[in-house]
Amino acid sequence: MGSNTLLEPVFGIVKSAMGFRQFLMHGADKVSMEWSLVWLAYNLRRLHTLQSVGELAPIG
C-alpha cells in the first residue's frame, strides 16, 4: 500500500465535506497559512467526531 492511498480519503473529505476547492490567497506564505487553517479545521472536526462517538476521552 502506497502512502498516497492513505492520504486520498483525507483530501476527498477536505474537498467534498468541507468545501475547500481552491485557495483564496496568493503567494507561498499566504497559501501556506490558508492550508494550515484548512488542516486545523479538519483536525478539529475529526477530534469532535471521535469524541462524540466515545473513541477519545473528554478534553479538559
Protein backbone atom coordinates (compact mmCIF):
# COMPACT_ATOMS: atom_id res chain seq x y z
CA MET A 1 0.00 0.00 0.00
CA GLY A 2 1.48 3.34 -1.05
CA SER A 3 1.47 6.46 1.07
CA ASN A 4 -0.88 8.18 -1.40
CA THR A 5 -3.55 5.58 -0.65
CA LEU A 6 -3.70 6.76 2.95
CA LEU A 7 -3.97 10.45 2.06
CA GLU A 8 -6.53 10.32 -0.75
CA PRO A 9 -9.59 9.93 1.55
CA VAL A 10 -8.45 12.91 3.61
CA PHE A 11 -8.23 15.14 0.54
CA GLY A 12 -11.67 13.88 -0.53
CA ILE A 13 -13.11 14.91 2.83
CA VAL A 14 -11.45 18.33 2.64
CA LYS A 15 -12.82 18.85 -0.88
CA SER A 16 -16.34 17.44 -0.62
CA ALA A 17 -17.42 17.62 3.03
CA MET A 18 -15.58 20.82 3.91
CA GLY A 19 -16.00 22.51 0.53
CA PHE A 20 -12.36 23.54 0.08
CA ARG A 21 -11.75 23.59 -3.67
CA GLN A 22 -9.29 26.43 -4.25
CA PHE A 23 -7.06 28.82 -2.40
CA LEU A 24 -8.32 32.36 -1.94
CA MET A 25 -4.91 33.88 -1.22
CA HIS A 26 -1.88 34.33 -3.48
CA GLY A 27 1.77 33.86 -2.62
CA ALA A 28 3.54 30.97 -0.93
CA ASP A 29 3.31 32.38 2.61
CA LYS A 30 -0.42 33.15 2.36
CA VAL A 31 -1.24 29.82 0.72
CA SER A 32 0.74 28.02 3.43
CA MET A 33 -1.22 29.83 6.13
CA GLU A 34 -4.53 29.09 4.40
CA TRP A 35 -3.60 25.41 4.07
CA SER A 36 -2.69 25.32 7.78
CA LEU A 37 -6.14 26.69 8.63
CA VAL A 38 -7.79 24.03 6.45
CA TRP A 39 -5.85 21.27 8.28
CA LEU A 40 -6.65 22.83 11.65
CA ALA A 41 -10.36 22.78 10.75
CA TYR A 42 -10.07 19.16 9.54
CA ASN A 43 -8.32 18.06 12.75
CA LEU A 44 -10.83 19.86 14.99
CA ARG A 45 -13.67 18.24 13.08
CA ARG A 46 -12.00 14.84 13.42
CA LEU A 47 -11.43 15.32 17.17
CA HIS A 48 -15.07 16.31 17.64
CA THR A 49 -16.25 13.25 15.72
CA LEU A 50 -14.04 10.87 17.68
CA GLN A 51 -15.05 12.43 20.97
CA SER A 52 -18.77 12.27 20.18
CA VAL A 53 -18.64 8.54 19.41
CA GLY A 54 -16.63 7.87 22.57
CA GLU A 55 -13.33 6.89 20.97
CA LEU A 56 -11.48 9.67 22.83
CA ALA A 57 -11.57 10.68 26.46
CA PRO A 58 -13.16 14.10 27.06
CA ILE A 59 -10.76 17.02 26.83
CA GLY A 60 -10.38 19.17 29.93
